[in-house]
Amino acid sequence: MTNWQPDISTFPGPRYLAIADALSDDIRQQRMAPGTRLPTHRELAFRLGVTVGTVTRAYAEAERRGLIGGEVGRGTFVRPDVRRRPEMPAEREVEIEEGGFVDLSINFPTPRANDALLSNALQRIASRPGIDSLLDYHHHVGMPRHRAAGAQWLGEQRYPVPAERVIVTAGGQHAMTAALGAITEPGDVVVTECVTYPGLRRLADFLRIRLHGVQMDSDGVDVEAFEAACINLRPKAFYCVVNMHNPTGIVVSAERRRALAAVARKHGVKIVEDDVYGFLLGTRSIEPLSAHAPELGHYFTSVSKSMAPGLRVGYLAIPEGALEMFAQVVRSTTWMAAPLTAEIAADWVEDGTGMDLAEAHRIEAIARQRMARRILSDVEICGDESSYHIWLKLQEPWTADGFALQARLKGVGVSPATIFSLTRSAPNGVRLCLCAPDDRRILENALQRIADILRTRPGGSYGIV
């Protein structure tokens, strides 16, 4: 393993980009040979005095540029063919009048859980008797205290359920895996929004289930189209995001939720409801879709967007009497969620820190939404006023892919509709994640570049081939 320790002080901007830029520079200057094994995320974080998350983002950016690759069980290496491969435009090699590359393509929450919060939580845990039990094997569905904290957190999200119906998972993606893994078999059909979270598509490939996108309008999934799909396709489940829909940012009305639940109940279609953004509703008392058909509802959220992504703790509420089936899926996928991080999450749920963090995220999201709507006032924007992201509806001659490429050439990463679409005719739009930049000034600069692009016409040299 290399003793590589870059001097990131010479590279301005976010530290994760500075690390990626330093790696790129060292490879070009032949200070890093092809095949070199990089330090682990934790080791490099310690050397540079940054968080592990910063190094994780840096390595992800370097991999996107084609500089490095990971091998399961062995580590991360400089690509053997790196000198022969054309590098993706380096973030700071793009000509930008002010600032570096700004990635608005990933829905990171703004950083809020600081060192003091984590230190205090760990000190409290360390002072308790029998903490070594947090390093033992436990039941697959989670320790009783952690399940009770999960039930309390779900109650805060307007879905009160007893702890006996709550499973602790290793994050939201794992909760979705557990839900769909328990209720589907290979070949089953799962219906969802016609544009949907890309992680569902990857999971569907893994589980060998078929996805069908249902037509949407300004209030989410069209009820008649949903019923037609239920009649014609006989789906096993309906996956949906009704709060701050990803990618459009729609919050589905209470009336539409009741109507969709009625159709699901009529046809016996199980509901898998992804509510990782529900905390952003604040005091709005809109019940989850699952509340209208609890015998069919599989409702989950996580603490990744509301507290801290690195905790990797999620909570899945299942119908009564179905625990053992789901416990076996958790056993098969990860055995159990990590008790230590679940203990931190439980502490923060119980003492109110979790809600404080969630409210801070919501306030920051509202401020950034207002900034976006002010700067991009000439274009149609979809999305709730407290959502982490917005959906830009593009007008011809712009196409989503063409706009995304032009934005990247101007130093801004956005996500085109093709990433989310399950149909051949994807809507003409792009998603912008407003909370990804650490600083509002960085976001403002990126949005100004987006506004400048929208005032121009696409050039012929930016076509997709």
Protein backbone atom coordinates (compact mmCIF):
# COMPACT_ATOMS: atom_id res chain seq x y z
CA MET A 1 0.00 0.00 0.00
CA THR A 2 1.27 3.46 -0.87
CA ASN A 3 2.10 6.06 1.74
CA TRP A 4 0.41 8.62 -0.49
CA GLN A 5 -0.47 11.79 1.38
CA PRO A 6 -1.35 14.65 -0.97
CA ASP A 7 -0.88 18.31 -0.13
CA ILE A 8 -4.45 19.49 -0.66
CA SER A 9 -3.70 23.01 0.54
CA THR A 10 -2.68 23.94 -3.00
CA PHE A 11 -6.07 22.98 -4.43
CA PRO A 12 -8.93 25.39 -3.65
CA GLY A 13 -12.56 24.44 -3.09
CA PRO A 14 -14.21 21.50 -1.27
CA ARG A 15 -11.71 19.12 0.25
CA TYR A 16 -13.07 16.02 -1.47
CA LEU A 17 -12.46 17.66 -4.86
CA ALA A 18 -9.02 18.82 -3.72
CA ILE A 19 -8.10 15.21 -2.91
CA ALA A 20 -9.34 14.00 -6.31
CA ASP A 21 -7.46 16.82 -8.06
CA ALA A 22 -4.27 16.03 -6.16
CA LEU A 23 -4.55 12.37 -7.16
CA SER A 24 -5.08 13.33 -10.79
CA ASP A 25 -2.04 15.62 -10.67
CA ASP A 26 0.17 12.96 -9.08
CA ILE A 27 -0.81 10.43 -11.75
CA ARG A 28 -0.11 12.90 -14.57
CA GLN A 29 3.25 13.80 -13.03
CA GLN A 30 4.02 10.05 -12.70
CA ARG A 31 4.31 10.28 -8.94
CA MET A 32 1.64 7.57 -8.73
CA ALA A 33 2.19 4.50 -10.91
CA PRO A 34 -0.62 2.47 -12.49
CA GLY A 35 -1.67 -0.35 -10.20
CA THR A 36 -0.69 1.48 -7.01
CA ARG A 37 -2.92 0.59 -4.07
CA LEU A 38 -4.37 3.64 -2.34
CA PRO A 39 -4.69 4.09 1.44
CA THR A 40 -7.96 2.99 2.98
CA HIS A 41 -10.62 5.65 3.43
CA ARG A 42 -10.05 5.74 7.17
CA GLU A 43 -6.25 5.85 6.93
CA LEU A 44 -6.20 8.72 4.43
CA ALA A 45 -8.83 10.60 6.46
CA PHE A 46 -6.59 10.33 9.52
CA ARG A 47 -3.52 11.51 7.62
CA LEU A 48 -5.28 14.54 6.13
CA GLY A 49 -7.40 15.43 9.15
CA VAL A 50 -10.69 15.11 7.24
CA THR A 51 -13.76 12.92 7.68
CA VAL A 52 -14.03 9.44 6.22
CA GLY A 53 -17.01 10.71 4.23
CA THR A 54 -14.81 13.33 2.57
CA VAL A 55 -12.37 10.63 1.42
CA THR A 56 -15.25 8.45 0.25
CA ARG A 57 -16.56 11.29 -1.94
CA ALA A 58 -13.03 11.98 -3.19
CA TYR A 59 -12.47 8.35 -4.24
CA ALA A 60 -15.91 8.27 -5.88
CA GLU A 61 -15.01 11.37 -7.89
CA ALA A 62 -11.65 9.88 -8.89
CA GLU A 63 -13.40 6.70 -10.01
CA ARG A 64 -15.86 8.77 -12.05
CA ARG A 65 -12.92 10.37 -13.85
CA GLY A 66 -11.53 6.93 -14.67
CA LEU A 67 -8.47 7.27 -12.45
CA ILE A 68 -9.03 4.48 -9.96
CA GLY A 69 -11.05 1.32 -9.43
CA GLY A 70 -12.02 -0.82 -6.46
CA GLU A 71 -11.64 -4.56 -6.03
CA VAL A 72 -13.85 -6.25 -3.43
CA GLY A 73 -11.74 -7.49 -0.53
CA ARG A 74 -8.49 -6.02 -1.88
CA GLY A 75 -8.85 -2.26 -1.87
CA THR A 76 -8.69 0.69 -4.26
CA PHE A 77 -6.04 0.95 -6.98
CA VAL A 78 -4.87 3.36 -9.65
CA ARG A 79 -6.21 1.87 -12.87
CA PRO A 80 -3.57 -0.16 -14.75
CA ASP A 81 -4.60 1.54 -18.01
CA VAL A 82 -4.92 5.02 -16.54
CA ARG A 83 -2.25 6.53 -18.83
CA ARG A 84 -4.09 5.25 -21.91
CA ARG A 85 -7.61 6.28 -20.87
CA PRO A 86 -9.06 9.71 -21.61
CA GLU A 87 -9.84 11.29 -18.25
CA MET A 88 -13.30 12.69 -17.63
CA PRO A 89 -13.08 16.48 -17.44
CA ALA A 90 -11.32 17.23 -14.18
CA GLU A 91 -13.44 19.37 -11.96
CA ARG A 92 -11.06 22.28 -11.99
CA GLU A 93 -9.76 21.81 -15.52
CA VAL A 94 -13.05 23.09 -16.93
CA GLU A 95 -12.87 26.80 -17.68
CA ILE A 96 -15.00 28.46 -15.05
CA GLU A 97 -15.01 32.13 -14.24
CA GLU A 98 -15.45 31.57 -10.52
CA GLY A 99 -15.14 28.49 -8.35
CA GLY A 100 -14.62 24.84 -9.21
CA PHE A 101 -16.84 21.95 -10.17
CA VAL A 102 -20.08 21.73 -8.18
CA ASP A 103 -21.85 18.38 -8.10
CA LEU A 104 -25.62 18.82 -7.87
CA SER A 105 -26.29 15.24 -8.99
CA ILE A 106 -26.21 13.52 -5.58
CA ASN A 107 -28.72 14.10 -2.78
CA PHE A 108 -26.34 14.64 0.11
CA PRO A 109 -27.79 16.39 3.14
CA THR A 110 -26.06 19.53 4.32
CA PRO A 111 -23.59 18.64 7.11
CA ARG A 112 -25.12 19.18 10.53
CA ALA A 113 -24.10 16.37 12.90
CA ASN A 114 -20.83 17.84 14.20
CA ASP A 115 -17.95 16.36 16.16
CA ALA A 116 -19.40 17.47 19.51
CA LEU A 117 -22.72 15.68 18.94
CA LEU A 118 -21.04 12.43 18.02
CA SER A 119 -18.46 12.72 20.79
CA ASN A 120 -21.15 13.32 23.41
CA ALA A 121 -23.20 10.37 22.15
CA LEU A 122 -20.20 8.04 22.23
CA GLN A 123 -19.21 9.19 25.71
CA ARG A 124 -22.72 8.52 27.02
CA ILE A 125 -22.73 5.07 25.44
CA ALA A 126 -19.25 4.30 26.79
CA SER A 127 -20.36 5.09 30.35
CA ARG A 128 -23.18 2.54 30.33
CA PRO A 129 -22.75 -0.90 31.85
CA GLY A 130 -22.63 -3.83 29.48
CA ILE A 131 -21.81 -1.85 26.34
CA ASP A 132 -19.84 -4.85 25.07
CA SER A 133 -23.23 -6.32 24.16
CA LEU A 134 -23.29 -3.85 21.25
CA LEU A 135 -20.53 -5.93 19.68
CA ASP A 136 -22.45 -9.22 19.97
CA TYR A 137 -24.82 -10.94 17.58
CA HIS A 138 -28.47 -10.04 18.16
CA HIS A 139 -31.80 -10.92 16.63
CA HIS A 140 -31.97 -10.04 12.96
CA VAL A 141 -34.76 -7.48 13.41
CA GLY A 142 -32.83 -5.42 15.96
CA MET A 143 -32.45 -4.98 19.71
CA PRO A 144 -35.67 -4.13 21.59
CA ARG A 145 -34.51 -0.62 22.53
CA HIS A 146 -33.53 0.15 18.95
CA ARG A 147 -36.88 -1.09 17.63
CA ALA A 148 -38.67 1.06 20.19
CA ALA A 149 -36.65 4.09 19.07
CA GLY A 150 -37.56 3.22 15.48
CA ALA A 151 -41.24 3.16 16.40
CA GLN A 152 -40.85 6.55 18.09
CA TRP A 153 -39.15 7.96 14.98
CA LEU A 154 -41.83 6.59 12.68
CA GLY A 155 -44.42 8.19 14.93
CA GLU A 156 -42.64 11.51 14.42
CA GLN A 157 -43.09 10.89 10.67
CA ARG A 158 -46.89 10.51 11.12
CA TYR A 159 -46.91 6.69 11.02
CA PRO A 160 -47.42 5.42 14.58
CA VAL A 161 -46.85 1.68 14.85
CA PRO A 162 -45.91 -0.60 17.77
CA ALA A 163 -42.27 -1.56 18.16
CA GLU A 164 -43.21 -5.19 17.45
CA ARG A 165 -43.85 -4.21 13.82
CA VAL A 166 -40.56 -2.34 13.36
CA ILE A 167 -37.36 -3.81 11.93
CA VAL A 168 -34.01 -2.03 12.25
CA THR A 169 -32.15 -2.09 8.93
CA ALA A 170 -28.76 -1.01 7.64
CA GLY A 171 -30.15 2.14 6.01
CA GLY A 172 -32.99 2.90 3.63
CA GLN A 173 -31.62 0.93 0.69
CA HIS A 174 -31.42 -2.14 2.89
CA ALA A 175 -34.97 -1.54 4.14
CA MET A 176 -36.15 -1.49 0.52
CA THR A 177 -34.19 -4.69 -0.14
CA ALA A 178 -35.79 -6.37 2.87
CA ALA A 179 -39.29 -5.28 1.90
CA LEU A 180 -39.14 -6.27 -1.76
CA GLY A 181 -37.03 -9.34 -1.03
CA ALA A 182 -39.67 -10.65 1.37
CA ILE A 183 -42.78 -10.03 -0.72
CA THR A 184 -41.60 -10.74 -4.28
CA GLU A 185 -40.20 -13.63 -6.24
CA PRO A 186 -38.15 -13.55 -9.48
CA GLY A 187 -40.39 -12.57 -12.38
CA ASP A 188 -42.91 -10.64 -10.28
CA VAL A 189 -44.04 -7.22 -11.46
CA VAL A 190 -43.60 -4.14 -9.26
CA VAL A 191 -45.26 -0.94 -10.42
CA THR A 192 -43.87 2.47 -9.56
CA GLU A 193 -43.74 6.05 -10.79
CA CYS A 194 -42.69 6.41 -14.43
CA VAL A 195 -39.63 8.32 -13.19
CA THR A 196 -38.24 6.82 -10.02
CA TYR A 197 -35.27 6.43 -7.69
CA PRO A 198 -32.42 4.76 -9.63
CA GLY A 199 -31.58 2.55 -6.66
CA LEU A 200 -34.85 0.72 -7.24
CA ARG A 201 -33.79 -0.19 -10.76
CA ARG A 202 -30.52 -1.66 -9.53
CA LEU A 203 -32.33 -3.60 -6.81
CA ALA A 204 -34.87 -4.91 -9.33
CA ASP A 205 -32.01 -6.31 -11.43
CA PHE A 206 -30.58 -7.98 -8.34
CA LEU A 207 -33.92 -9.51 -7.28
CA ARG A 208 -34.86 -10.32 -10.90
CA ILE A 209 -38.20 -8.57 -10.65
CA ARG A 210 -39.80 -6.53 -13.41
CA LEU A 211 -40.54 -2.83 -13.00
CA HIS A 212 -43.39 -1.04 -14.73
CA GLY A 213 -43.57 2.75 -14.71
CA VAL A 214 -47.03 4.28 -14.24
CA GLN A 215 -48.02 7.62 -15.76
CA MET A 216 -47.79 10.64 -13.44
CA ASP A 217 -49.35 14.08 -13.31
CA SER A 218 -48.66 17.09 -11.09
CA ASP A 219 -50.01 15.16 -8.07
CA GLY A 220 -48.02 11.97 -8.49
CA VAL A 221 -49.15 8.62 -9.91
CA ASP A 222 -52.35 8.85 -11.96
CA VAL A 223 -55.06 6.78 -10.24
CA GLU A 224 -56.67 5.46 -13.42
CA ALA A 225 -53.30 4.49 -14.87
CA PHE A 226 -52.42 2.73 -11.62
CA GLU A 227 -55.65 0.74 -11.67
CA ALA A 228 -55.15 -0.19 -15.32
CA ALA A 229 -51.68 -1.51 -14.44
CA CYS A 230 -53.15 -3.51 -11.54
CA ILE A 231 -55.74 -5.08 -13.85
CA ASN A 232 -53.44 -5.80 -16.79
CA LEU A 233 -50.16 -6.70 -15.06
CA ARG A 234 -51.32 -8.14 -11.72
CA PRO A 235 -48.33 -6.63 -9.90
CA LYS A 236 -47.11 -7.97 -6.58
CA ALA A 237 -46.25 -4.53 -5.17
CA PHE A 238 -46.41 -0.78 -5.65
CA TYR A 239 -43.20 1.11 -4.76
CA CYS A 240 -43.68 4.83 -4.26
CA VAL A 241 -42.15 8.02 -2.86
CA VAL A 242 -45.06 10.32 -1.99
CA ASN A 243 -43.10 12.90 0.03
CA MET A 244 -40.55 14.93 -1.95
CA HIS A 245 -40.75 12.43 -4.79
CA ASN A 246 -37.39 11.56 -6.26
CA PRO A 247 -36.73 13.12 -8.76
CA THR A 248 -39.64 15.56 -9.21
CA GLY A 249 -39.98 16.77 -5.62
CA ILE A 250 -43.79 16.31 -5.65
CA VAL A 251 -45.66 15.92 -2.36
CA VAL A 252 -48.72 13.82 -3.19
CA SER A 253 -51.99 15.20 -1.81
CA ALA A 254 -53.92 13.43 0.96
CA GLU A 255 -56.82 12.84 -1.45
CA ARG A 256 -54.56 11.16 -4.03
CA ARG A 257 -53.00 8.99 -1.35
CA ARG A 258 -56.40 7.73 -0.24
CA ALA A 259 -57.37 6.99 -3.84
CA LEU A 260 -54.15 5.07 -4.57
CA ALA A 261 -54.51 3.09 -1.33
CA ALA A 262 -58.08 2.17 -2.27
CA VAL A 263 -56.93 0.80 -5.63
CA ALA A 264 -54.10 -1.15 -3.98
CA ARG A 265 -56.55 -2.63 -1.47
CA LYS A 266 -59.06 -3.49 -4.21
CA HIS A 267 -56.47 -5.49 -6.15
CA GLY A 268 -54.44 -6.81 -3.22
CA VAL A 269 -51.26 -5.00 -4.26
CA LYS A 270 -48.73 -4.58 -1.46
CA ILE A 271 -47.37 -1.08 -0.85
CA VAL A 272 -43.66 -0.39 -0.40
CA GLU A 273 -43.44 3.24 0.69
CA ASP A 274 -40.07 4.98 0.70
CA ASP A 275 -40.28 7.98 3.03
CA VAL A 276 -36.68 9.02 3.58
CA TYR A 277 -37.66 12.65 2.96
CA GLY A 278 -40.86 12.71 5.04
CA PHE A 279 -39.24 14.67 7.87
CA LEU A 280 -39.00 17.66 5.51
CA LEU A 281 -42.77 18.10 5.72
CA GLY A 282 -42.33 19.77 9.10
CA THR A 283 -45.66 20.26 10.84
CA ARG A 284 -47.80 19.34 7.83
CA SER A 285 -50.09 16.52 8.95
CA ILE A 286 -50.28 14.42 5.78
CA GLU A 287 -50.52 10.74 6.62
CA PRO A 288 -48.34 8.27 4.70
CA LEU A 289 -49.98 6.26 1.94
CA SER A 290 -49.48 3.11 4.02
CA ALA A 291 -51.68 4.53 6.79
CA HIS A 292 -54.68 4.14 4.48
CA ALA A 293 -54.02 0.41 3.95
CA PRO A 294 -51.82 -0.77 6.85
CA GLU A 295 -52.44 -4.44 6.09
CA LEU A 296 -50.65 -3.89 2.77
CA GLY A 297 -48.18 -1.21 3.84
CA HIS A 298 -44.43 -1.71 4.10
CA TYR A 299 -43.26 1.71 5.17
CA PHE A 300 -39.63 2.66 5.67
CA THR A 301 -37.39 5.60 6.35
CA SER A 302 -33.79 6.07 7.43
CA VAL A 303 -31.69 8.56 9.37
CA SER A 304 -29.33 9.19 6.44
CA LYS A 305 -31.01 12.36 5.16
CA SER A 306 -32.29 13.57 8.53
CA MET A 307 -29.38 12.87 10.91
CA ALA A 308 -26.19 11.49 9.36
CA PRO A 309 -25.61 9.25 6.31
CA GLY A 310 -22.76 7.36 7.97
CA LEU A 311 -24.98 5.89 10.68
CA ARG A 312 -26.57 3.55 8.10
CA VAL A 313 -29.70 3.00 10.19
CA GLY A 314 -33.17 2.54 8.75
CA TYR A 315 -36.56 1.59 10.15
CA LEU A 316 -39.03 -0.64 8.30
CA ALA A 317 -42.65 -0.99 9.51
CA ILE A 318 -44.32 -4.18 8.29
CA PRO A 319 -47.88 -5.54 8.50
CA GLU A 320 -48.88 -7.36 11.65
CA GLY A 321 -47.90 -11.03 11.82
CA ALA A 322 -45.22 -10.92 9.10
CA LEU A 323 -42.08 -10.56 11.24
CA GLU A 324 -40.45 -13.95 10.66
CA MET A 325 -40.54 -13.67 6.87
CA PHE A 326 -38.75 -10.33 6.99
CA ALA A 327 -36.31 -11.48 9.65
CA GLN A 328 -35.09 -14.18 7.28
CA VAL A 329 -34.42 -11.62 4.53
CA VAL A 330 -32.43 -9.44 6.93
CA ARG A 331 -30.48 -12.52 8.01
CA SER A 332 -29.70 -13.37 4.39
CA THR A 333 -28.59 -9.86 3.43
CA THR A 334 -26.68 -8.49 6.41
CA TRP A 335 -27.62 -10.67 9.43
CA MET A 336 -28.51 -7.54 11.43
CA ALA A 337 -28.01 -3.79 11.45
CA ALA A 338 -24.92 -2.70 13.39
CA PRO A 339 -25.99 -2.32 17.05
CA LEU A 340 -23.45 0.43 17.81
CA THR A 341 -24.73 2.83 15.17
CA ALA A 342 -28.31 1.84 15.99
CA GLU A 343 -27.53 2.80 19.60
CA ILE A 344 -26.37 6.27 18.52
CA ALA A 345 -29.52 6.71 16.44
CA ALA A 346 -31.67 5.55 19.36
CA ASP A 347 -30.01 8.06 21.67
CA TRP A 348 -30.63 10.88 19.22
CA VAL A 349 -34.25 9.84 18.75
CA GLU A 350 -34.89 9.68 22.48
CA ASP A 351 -33.16 12.90 23.53
CA GLY A 352 -34.52 14.99 20.65
CA THR A 353 -31.21 15.47 18.84
CA GLY A 354 -32.62 13.65 15.82
CA MET A 355 -35.53 16.04 15.46
CA ASP A 356 -33.23 19.02 16.01
CA LEU A 357 -31.00 17.80 13.18
CA ALA A 358 -34.01 17.12 10.96
CA GLU A 359 -35.41 20.60 11.56
CA ALA A 360 -32.03 22.17 10.81
CA HIS A 361 -31.94 20.27 7.52
CA ARG A 362 -35.49 21.41 6.70
CA ILE A 363 -34.72 25.07 7.39
CA GLU A 364 -31.59 24.89 5.24
CA ALA A 365 -33.52 23.19 2.42
CA ILE A 366 -36.15 25.94 2.45
CA ALA A 367 -33.48 28.63 2.22
CA ARG A 368 -31.85 26.89 -0.72
CA GLN A 369 -35.17 26.36 -2.47
CA ARG A 370 -35.83 30.10 -2.26
CA MET A 371 -32.41 30.83 -3.66
CA ALA A 372 -32.98 28.45 -6.57
CA ARG A 373 -36.38 29.91 -7.42
CA ARG A 374 -34.97 33.42 -7.36
CA ILE A 375 -32.03 32.64 -9.62
CA LEU A 376 -33.95 30.31 -11.96
CA SER A 377 -37.11 32.40 -12.14
CA ASP A 378 -37.30 32.13 -15.94
CA VAL A 379 -37.75 28.35 -16.03
CA GLU A 380 -40.49 26.04 -14.74
CA ILE A 381 -39.45 24.40 -11.49
CA CYS A 382 -41.15 21.43 -9.84
CA GLY A 383 -40.57 20.50 -6.24
CA ASP A 384 -41.81 21.22 -2.76
CA GLU A 385 -40.62 24.34 -0.96
CA SER A 386 -38.68 22.23 1.58
CA SER A 387 -37.35 19.51 -0.72
CA TYR A 388 -33.64 18.76 -1.03
CA HIS A 389 -33.93 18.85 -4.80
CA ILE A 390 -35.74 20.56 -7.66
CA TRP A 391 -36.83 19.35 -11.07
CA LEU A 392 -36.16 21.69 -14.00
CA LYS A 393 -38.57 21.29 -16.90
CA LEU A 394 -36.64 21.98 -20.08
CA GLN A 395 -38.00 23.48 -23.28
CA GLU A 396 -36.92 22.58 -26.79
CA PRO A 397 -34.42 22.66 -28.33
CA TRP A 398 -32.83 21.55 -25.05
CA THR A 399 -32.82 17.84 -24.28
CA ALA A 400 -32.16 16.47 -20.80
CA ASP A 401 -28.96 14.67 -21.82
CA GLY A 402 -27.72 17.61 -23.85
CA PHE A 403 -28.35 20.01 -21.00
CA ALA A 404 -26.62 17.73 -18.49
CA LEU A 405 -23.54 17.57 -20.74
CA GLN A 406 -23.48 21.33 -21.23
CA ALA A 407 -23.84 21.86 -17.48
CA ARG A 408 -20.91 19.55 -16.81
CA LEU A 409 -18.80 21.43 -19.33
CA LYS A 410 -19.67 24.58 -17.37
CA GLY A 411 -18.67 22.92 -14.12
CA VAL A 412 -22.00 21.73 -12.69
CA GLY A 413 -23.16 18.13 -12.32
CA VAL A 414 -26.91 17.50 -12.77
CA SER A 415 -29.00 14.36 -13.30
CA PRO A 416 -30.96 14.02 -16.58
CA ALA A 417 -34.38 12.36 -16.78
CA THR A 418 -32.97 9.30 -18.53
CA ILE A 419 -31.39 8.20 -15.23
CA PHE A 420 -34.82 7.98 -13.59
CA SER A 421 -37.15 7.02 -16.44
CA LEU A 422 -38.75 3.58 -16.82
CA THR A 423 -40.40 4.43 -20.13
CA ARG A 424 -39.03 5.09 -23.58
CA SER A 425 -40.36 8.65 -23.60
CA ALA A 426 -38.60 10.21 -20.62
CA PRO A 427 -39.80 13.65 -19.53
CA ASN A 428 -37.57 16.50 -20.63
CA GLY A 429 -36.03 17.61 -17.38
CA VAL A 430 -33.08 17.43 -14.99
CA ARG A 431 -32.78 17.08 -11.23
CA LEU A 432 -30.67 19.50 -9.20
CA CYS A 433 -29.73 18.54 -5.62
CA LEU A 434 -29.58 21.83 -3.76
CA CYS A 435 -28.16 20.59 -0.48
CA ALA A 436 -25.08 18.82 -1.84
CA PRO A 437 -22.70 21.84 -1.64
CA ASP A 438 -21.46 22.56 1.87
CA ASP A 439 -21.73 26.32 1.41
CA ARG A 440 -24.65 28.34 0.04
CA ARG A 441 -22.21 30.54 -1.88
CA ILE A 442 -21.03 27.51 -3.82
CA LEU A 443 -24.64 26.62 -4.62
CA GLU A 444 -25.41 30.17 -5.68
CA ASN A 445 -22.48 30.17 -8.08
CA ALA A 446 -23.60 26.85 -9.57
CA LEU A 447 -27.18 28.05 -10.01
CA GLN A 448 -25.95 31.18 -11.75
CA ARG A 449 -24.11 28.98 -14.24
CA ILE A 450 -27.29 26.96 -14.79
CA ALA A 451 -29.23 30.18 -15.37
CA ASP A 452 -26.61 31.32 -17.90
CA ILE A 453 -26.92 28.04 -19.79
CA LEU A 454 -30.71 28.36 -19.91
CA ARG A 455 -30.39 31.79 -21.55
CA THR A 456 -28.49 30.27 -24.48
CA ARG A 457 -29.38 27.79 -27.19
CA PRO A 458 -27.67 24.40 -27.32
CA GLY A 459 -24.75 24.28 -29.70
CA GLY A 460 -24.33 21.59 -32.28
CA SER A 461 -21.11 20.40 -30.66
CA TYR A 462 -22.94 19.23 -27.56
CA GLY A 463 -25.03 16.50 -29.13
CA ILE A 464 -25.15 13.01 -27.66
CA VAL A 465 -23.95 10.21 -29.96
